[in-house]
N, C-alpha and C. Protein backbone atom coordinates (compact mmCIF):
# COMPACT_ATOMS: atom_id res chain seq x y z
N MET A 1 9.73 -137.86 -196.48
CA MET A 1 9.65 -137.69 -195.19
C MET A 1 9.14 -137.11 -194.57
N SER A 2 8.52 -136.99 -193.74
CA SER A 2 7.68 -136.11 -192.87
C SER A 2 8.56 -135.76 -191.90
N SER A 3 8.22 -134.80 -190.95
CA SER A 3 9.28 -134.69 -190.02
C SER A 3 9.81 -135.32 -188.34
N GLN A 4 8.35 -136.19 -188.21
CA GLN A 4 8.76 -136.65 -187.24
C GLN A 4 8.58 -136.15 -185.84
N ILE A 5 7.98 -134.78 -185.75
CA ILE A 5 7.77 -133.98 -184.87
C ILE A 5 6.19 -133.62 -184.91
N PRO A 6 5.60 -134.13 -183.61
CA PRO A 6 4.16 -133.62 -184.15
C PRO A 6 3.92 -132.32 -184.01
N SER A 7 2.68 -132.24 -184.49
CA SER A 7 1.99 -130.66 -184.18
C SER A 7 1.36 -130.06 -183.10
N PRO A 8 1.71 -128.62 -182.67
CA PRO A 8 1.36 -128.43 -181.42
C PRO A 8 -0.20 -129.23 -180.74
N ASP A 9 -1.22 -129.21 -181.85
CA ASP A 9 -2.28 -129.54 -181.79
C ASP A 9 -2.56 -131.37 -181.37
N GLN A 10 -1.61 -131.83 -182.24
CA GLN A 10 -1.79 -133.31 -182.57
C GLN A 10 -1.10 -133.66 -180.67
N TRP A 11 -0.17 -133.11 -180.59
CA TRP A 11 0.75 -133.14 -178.92
C TRP A 11 0.02 -132.72 -178.11
N ASP A 12 -0.71 -132.09 -178.04
CA ASP A 12 -1.80 -131.63 -176.68
C ASP A 12 -3.11 -132.04 -177.11
N GLU A 13 -3.71 -133.16 -177.92
CA GLU A 13 -4.65 -134.15 -177.77
C GLU A 13 -4.27 -135.36 -177.34
N VAL A 14 -2.91 -135.81 -177.73
CA VAL A 14 -2.41 -137.01 -177.38
C VAL A 14 -1.71 -136.87 -175.80
N TRP A 15 -1.65 -135.81 -175.56
CA TRP A 15 -0.67 -135.90 -174.22
C TRP A 15 -2.11 -135.93 -173.42
N ALA A 16 -3.12 -135.06 -173.39
CA ALA A 16 -4.35 -134.79 -172.72
C ALA A 16 -4.76 -136.10 -172.39
N ALA A 17 -5.14 -136.88 -173.44
CA ALA A 17 -5.40 -138.13 -173.24
C ALA A 17 -4.55 -139.40 -172.63
N ASP A 18 -3.11 -139.21 -172.47
CA ASP A 18 -2.20 -139.99 -171.79
C ASP A 18 -2.20 -139.35 -170.05
N LEU A 19 -2.56 -137.96 -169.81
CA LEU A 19 -2.75 -137.64 -168.71
C LEU A 19 -3.78 -138.40 -168.43
N ASP A 20 -4.79 -138.37 -168.68
CA ASP A 20 -5.87 -139.02 -168.20
C ASP A 20 -5.68 -140.39 -167.93
N VAL A 21 -4.79 -141.30 -168.42
CA VAL A 21 -4.35 -142.67 -167.83
C VAL A 21 -3.81 -142.19 -166.98
N LEU A 22 -2.62 -141.39 -166.78
CA LEU A 22 -1.66 -141.35 -165.83
C LEU A 22 -2.36 -140.84 -164.31
N ARG A 23 -3.55 -140.34 -164.42
CA ARG A 23 -4.43 -139.56 -163.50
C ARG A 23 -5.15 -140.64 -162.91
N ASN A 24 -5.39 -141.26 -163.65
CA ASN A 24 -6.53 -142.77 -163.08
C ASN A 24 -5.42 -144.00 -162.48
N LEU A 25 -4.36 -143.88 -163.20
CA LEU A 25 -3.40 -144.70 -162.14
C LEU A 25 -2.74 -144.28 -160.92
N ARG A 26 -2.89 -142.56 -160.84
CA ARG A 26 -2.29 -142.16 -159.53
C ARG A 26 -3.43 -142.15 -158.38
N GLU A 27 -4.49 -142.00 -159.30
CA GLU A 27 -5.63 -142.33 -158.35
C GLU A 27 -6.05 -143.25 -157.42
N ASN A 28 -5.54 -144.10 -157.97
CA ASN A 28 -5.46 -145.77 -157.67
C ASN A 28 -4.19 -146.39 -156.72
N GLY A 29 -3.35 -145.32 -156.77
CA GLY A 29 -2.03 -145.55 -155.69
C GLY A 29 -1.13 -145.86 -156.55
N ASP A 30 -1.17 -145.75 -157.37
CA ASP A 30 0.27 -145.91 -158.37
C ASP A 30 1.52 -144.91 -158.02
N LEU A 31 2.77 -145.48 -157.81
CA LEU A 31 3.88 -144.95 -157.20
C LEU A 31 4.54 -144.61 -158.45
N PRO A 32 4.59 -143.44 -159.01
CA PRO A 32 5.21 -143.14 -160.67
C PRO A 32 6.66 -143.36 -160.80
N ASP A 33 6.99 -143.60 -159.68
CA ASP A 33 8.91 -143.40 -159.63
C ASP A 33 9.31 -145.00 -159.74
N VAL A 34 8.25 -146.12 -159.33
CA VAL A 34 8.95 -147.12 -159.74
C VAL A 34 9.00 -147.84 -161.15
N PRO A 35 9.84 -148.23 -161.68
CA PRO A 35 9.96 -148.88 -163.03
C PRO A 35 9.02 -150.08 -162.73
N ARG A 36 8.21 -150.33 -164.19
CA ARG A 36 7.40 -151.37 -164.67
C ARG A 36 7.48 -151.42 -165.89
N GLU A 37 6.91 -152.67 -166.51
CA GLU A 37 6.74 -152.78 -168.06
C GLU A 37 5.55 -152.00 -168.39
N VAL A 38 5.95 -151.29 -169.33
CA VAL A 38 4.70 -150.42 -170.34
C VAL A 38 4.70 -150.86 -171.61
N ASP A 39 3.37 -151.38 -172.11
CA ASP A 39 2.88 -152.09 -173.50
C ASP A 39 2.46 -150.86 -174.08
N VAL A 40 3.17 -150.79 -175.24
CA VAL A 40 1.97 -149.69 -176.46
C VAL A 40 1.58 -150.60 -177.38
N SER A 41 0.52 -150.40 -177.89
CA SER A 41 0.37 -151.34 -178.96
C SER A 41 -0.04 -150.81 -180.55
N PHE A 42 0.25 -151.15 -181.36
CA PHE A 42 0.40 -150.64 -182.95
C PHE A 42 -0.29 -151.68 -183.56
N ARG A 43 -1.32 -150.86 -184.58
CA ARG A 43 -1.98 -151.41 -185.54
C ARG A 43 -1.66 -150.73 -187.24
N GLY A 44 -1.96 -151.36 -188.11
CA GLY A 44 -1.50 -150.78 -189.47
C GLY A 44 -1.04 -151.82 -190.77
N PRO A 45 -0.68 -151.55 -191.48
CA PRO A 45 -0.48 -152.83 -192.66
C PRO A 45 0.83 -153.57 -192.04
N MET A 46 0.33 -155.05 -192.37
CA MET A 46 1.08 -155.99 -191.87
C MET A 46 3.09 -155.82 -191.99
N ASP A 47 3.19 -155.11 -193.64
CA ASP A 47 4.90 -155.20 -193.61
C ASP A 47 4.98 -153.74 -192.75
N ALA A 48 4.04 -152.95 -192.41
CA ALA A 48 4.58 -151.77 -191.69
C ALA A 48 5.23 -152.23 -190.20
N LEU A 49 4.17 -153.31 -189.53
CA LEU A 49 4.29 -153.56 -188.30
C LEU A 49 5.44 -154.68 -188.54
N ARG A 50 5.75 -155.45 -189.34
CA ARG A 50 6.99 -156.31 -189.51
C ARG A 50 8.29 -155.14 -189.27
N ARG A 51 8.18 -154.10 -190.11
CA ARG A 51 9.34 -153.53 -190.31
C ARG A 51 9.72 -152.95 -188.80
N LEU A 52 8.49 -152.51 -187.90
CA LEU A 52 8.56 -152.13 -186.60
C LEU A 52 9.09 -153.36 -185.83
N GLN A 53 8.42 -154.14 -186.09
CA GLN A 53 8.73 -155.15 -184.94
C GLN A 53 10.22 -155.29 -185.02
N ALA A 54 11.05 -155.47 -186.56
CA ALA A 54 12.54 -155.55 -186.52
C ALA A 54 13.36 -154.40 -186.14
N ALA A 55 12.79 -153.05 -186.09
CA ALA A 55 13.63 -151.90 -185.45
C ALA A 55 13.28 -151.41 -184.08
N CYS A 56 12.41 -152.34 -183.54
CA CYS A 56 11.41 -152.05 -182.33
C CYS A 56 12.88 -151.74 -181.23
N GLU A 57 13.68 -152.46 -181.30
CA GLU A 57 14.90 -152.56 -180.07
C GLU A 57 15.23 -150.84 -180.58
N ASN A 58 15.70 -150.13 -181.50
CA ASN A 58 15.82 -148.80 -181.64
C ASN A 58 15.47 -148.04 -180.92
N PHE A 59 13.90 -148.49 -180.39
CA PHE A 59 13.16 -147.32 -179.50
C PHE A 59 13.07 -147.73 -178.23
N GLY A 60 13.86 -148.45 -177.60
CA GLY A 60 14.13 -149.39 -176.39
C GLY A 60 12.77 -150.14 -176.28
N PHE A 61 12.16 -150.80 -177.17
CA PHE A 61 11.19 -151.84 -176.60
C PHE A 61 11.89 -153.13 -177.03
N THR A 62 11.19 -154.38 -176.52
CA THR A 62 11.36 -155.57 -177.13
C THR A 62 9.60 -156.02 -177.41
N VAL A 63 9.45 -156.89 -178.34
CA VAL A 63 8.19 -157.34 -178.85
C VAL A 63 7.26 -158.19 -177.66
N GLN A 64 6.29 -157.98 -177.34
CA GLN A 64 5.55 -158.70 -176.34
C GLN A 64 4.46 -159.66 -176.83
N GLU A 65 4.34 -159.32 -178.44
CA GLU A 65 2.94 -160.38 -178.90
C GLU A 65 2.89 -159.39 -180.04
N PHE A 66 2.98 -160.58 -181.20
CA PHE A 66 2.19 -159.89 -182.71
C PHE A 66 1.18 -160.99 -183.03
N ILE A 67 0.16 -160.23 -182.97
CA ILE A 67 -1.28 -161.05 -183.79
C ILE A 67 -1.17 -160.87 -184.77
N GLU A 68 -1.26 -161.79 -185.97
CA GLU A 68 -1.48 -161.53 -187.38
C GLU A 68 -2.57 -161.43 -187.97
N ALA A 69 -3.30 -161.58 -186.61
CA ALA A 69 -5.06 -161.67 -187.47
C ALA A 69 -5.78 -161.48 -186.23
N ASP A 70 -6.50 -160.29 -185.69
CA ASP A 70 -7.33 -160.26 -184.50
C ASP A 70 -8.53 -160.98 -184.60
N GLU A 71 -9.53 -160.74 -184.09
CA GLU A 71 -11.01 -160.78 -184.48
C GLU A 71 -11.48 -160.54 -185.99
N GLU A 72 -11.42 -159.25 -186.09
CA GLU A 72 -11.63 -158.26 -187.45
C GLU A 72 -10.43 -159.17 -188.49
N GLY A 73 -9.82 -159.83 -188.17
CA GLY A 73 -8.38 -159.83 -189.32
C GLY A 73 -7.51 -159.27 -189.41
N GLU A 74 -7.20 -158.09 -188.57
CA GLU A 74 -6.53 -157.14 -188.66
C GLU A 74 -5.22 -157.21 -187.70
N PRO A 75 -4.01 -157.04 -188.24
CA PRO A 75 -2.46 -157.26 -187.36
C PRO A 75 -2.52 -156.59 -186.32
N TRP A 76 -1.91 -156.85 -185.12
CA TRP A 76 -1.52 -155.94 -183.95
C TRP A 76 -0.21 -156.49 -183.50
N LEU A 77 0.63 -155.16 -183.49
CA LEU A 77 1.61 -155.54 -182.63
C LEU A 77 1.83 -154.77 -181.13
N PHE A 78 2.19 -155.92 -180.13
CA PHE A 78 2.28 -155.02 -178.67
C PHE A 78 3.72 -155.46 -178.41
N LEU A 79 4.19 -154.09 -178.05
CA LEU A 79 5.91 -153.56 -177.65
C LEU A 79 5.39 -153.42 -176.55
N VAL A 80 6.75 -153.38 -175.78
CA VAL A 80 6.86 -153.27 -174.26
C VAL A 80 8.22 -152.89 -173.63
N ARG A 81 8.49 -152.10 -172.84
CA ARG A 81 10.02 -151.72 -172.26
C ARG A 81 9.70 -151.35 -170.74
N THR A 82 10.20 -151.39 -170.04
CA THR A 82 10.46 -150.89 -168.72
C THR A 82 11.06 -149.51 -168.63
N GLN A 83 10.10 -149.47 -167.40
CA GLN A 83 10.15 -147.83 -167.42
C GLN A 83 9.48 -147.16 -166.35
N THR A 84 9.48 -145.86 -165.75
CA THR A 84 8.72 -145.51 -164.77
C THR A 84 7.73 -144.76 -165.32
N THR A 85 6.75 -144.27 -164.40
CA THR A 85 5.50 -143.26 -165.22
C THR A 85 5.60 -142.06 -164.71
N ASP A 86 6.64 -141.28 -164.57
CA ASP A 86 6.76 -140.06 -164.09
C ASP A 86 6.54 -139.29 -165.34
N ASP A 87 6.09 -138.06 -165.10
CA ASP A 87 5.96 -137.19 -166.22
C ASP A 87 7.02 -137.21 -167.24
N ASP A 88 8.05 -137.04 -166.85
CA ASP A 88 9.18 -136.94 -168.05
C ASP A 88 9.31 -138.42 -168.87
N ALA A 89 9.16 -139.19 -167.93
CA ALA A 89 9.18 -140.55 -168.67
C ALA A 89 7.92 -140.86 -169.59
N MET A 90 7.04 -140.17 -169.06
CA MET A 90 5.65 -140.59 -170.39
C MET A 90 5.52 -139.87 -171.01
N ARG A 91 6.12 -138.33 -171.14
CA ARG A 91 6.31 -137.40 -172.21
C ARG A 91 7.27 -138.28 -173.34
N ASP A 92 8.35 -138.48 -172.74
CA ASP A 92 9.45 -139.55 -173.86
C ASP A 92 8.84 -140.25 -174.52
N LEU A 93 7.79 -141.18 -173.68
CA LEU A 93 7.28 -142.70 -174.29
C LEU A 93 5.98 -142.02 -175.52
N THR A 94 5.44 -141.06 -174.81
CA THR A 94 4.12 -140.45 -175.80
C THR A 94 5.20 -139.79 -177.12
N MET A 95 6.45 -139.13 -176.98
CA MET A 95 7.00 -138.48 -178.27
C MET A 95 7.58 -140.00 -179.13
N THR A 96 7.94 -140.78 -178.30
CA THR A 96 8.75 -142.04 -179.01
C THR A 96 7.30 -142.93 -179.78
N TYR A 97 6.16 -142.64 -179.23
CA TYR A 97 5.59 -143.52 -180.18
C TYR A 97 4.67 -142.80 -181.49
N LEU A 98 4.39 -141.33 -181.15
CA LEU A 98 4.28 -140.65 -182.03
C LEU A 98 5.30 -140.45 -183.36
N GLN A 99 6.72 -140.71 -182.96
CA GLN A 99 7.54 -140.69 -183.76
C GLN A 99 7.54 -142.01 -184.68
N ILE A 100 7.27 -143.50 -184.22
CA ILE A 100 7.15 -144.53 -184.47
C ILE A 100 5.77 -144.24 -185.45
N GLU A 101 4.70 -143.97 -185.07
CA GLU A 101 3.40 -143.72 -186.02
C GLU A 101 4.02 -142.92 -187.58
N ASP A 102 4.89 -141.86 -187.13
CA ASP A 102 5.41 -141.32 -188.29
C ASP A 102 6.15 -141.85 -189.30
N SER A 103 7.09 -142.33 -188.69
CA SER A 103 8.13 -143.06 -189.45
C SER A 103 7.84 -144.40 -189.90
N PHE A 104 6.64 -145.18 -189.20
CA PHE A 104 6.58 -146.54 -189.75
C PHE A 104 4.75 -146.47 -190.66
N GLY A 105 4.03 -145.56 -190.45
CA GLY A 105 2.97 -145.48 -191.03
C GLY A 105 2.06 -146.24 -190.03
N VAL A 106 2.01 -146.57 -188.68
CA VAL A 106 0.98 -147.33 -187.97
C VAL A 106 0.47 -146.15 -187.29
N GLU A 107 -0.49 -146.77 -186.74
CA GLU A 107 -1.16 -146.23 -185.40
C GLU A 107 -1.12 -146.66 -184.44
N CYS A 108 -0.81 -145.82 -183.22
CA CYS A 108 -0.45 -146.24 -181.79
C CYS A 108 -2.26 -146.70 -181.17
N ASP A 109 -2.64 -147.44 -180.82
CA ASP A 109 -3.59 -147.97 -180.24
C ASP A 109 -4.03 -148.11 -178.78
N GLY A 110 -2.62 -147.26 -177.95
CA GLY A 110 -2.87 -146.94 -176.65
C GLY A 110 -1.77 -147.43 -175.99
N TRP A 111 -1.67 -147.50 -174.53
CA TRP A 111 -0.43 -147.75 -174.05
C TRP A 111 -0.93 -148.38 -172.70
N GLY A 112 -0.61 -149.16 -171.60
CA GLY A 112 -0.70 -149.83 -170.70
C GLY A 112 0.13 -149.94 -169.64
N CYS A 113 -0.13 -150.23 -168.73
CA CYS A 113 0.90 -151.03 -167.26
C CYS A 113 -0.11 -150.99 -166.14
N VAL A 114 0.61 -152.07 -165.36
CA VAL A 114 -0.25 -152.54 -164.18
C VAL A 114 0.33 -151.28 -163.13
N ALA A 115 -0.30 -150.93 -162.32
CA ALA A 115 0.18 -150.00 -161.49
C ALA A 115 0.94 -150.49 -160.30
N GLN A 116 1.92 -149.54 -159.94
CA GLN A 116 2.89 -150.19 -159.23
C GLN A 116 2.35 -149.23 -157.51
N THR A 117 1.79 -150.33 -156.63
CA THR A 117 1.42 -149.32 -155.09
C THR A 117 2.30 -149.62 -154.33
N GLU A 118 3.52 -150.09 -154.36
CA GLU A 118 4.74 -149.97 -153.52
C GLU A 118 5.77 -150.45 -154.26
N LYS A 119 6.89 -149.91 -153.14
CA LYS A 119 8.48 -149.88 -153.57
C LYS A 119 8.82 -151.26 -153.61
N LYS A 120 9.53 -151.83 -154.67
CA LYS A 120 10.12 -153.04 -154.56
C LYS A 120 11.48 -153.13 -154.02
């Protein structure tokens, strides 16, 4: 089993992409300290996605949707958890989905959320 810790190069590449999304959110008025649902999607072999589906609560997620076959016939798992989008919370999310990739042999296809522009 591998170490479940991304290499510095892998981390830098993934975190830079996540920072682009965060910048876009903030440029559109997002308040990072307001909790909201953040979804993360994964692709990979059906058996690996099923194992992740069964274990996702261990990572603080619930299943949002499981698509057994998309338009290309590939499975796709969407997980969701409620959190803020401040830098610390997002670093934790990024580290978590990298660990999930490593542990389950799946690939994160991205994350997303609706910008929160007012306090609740």
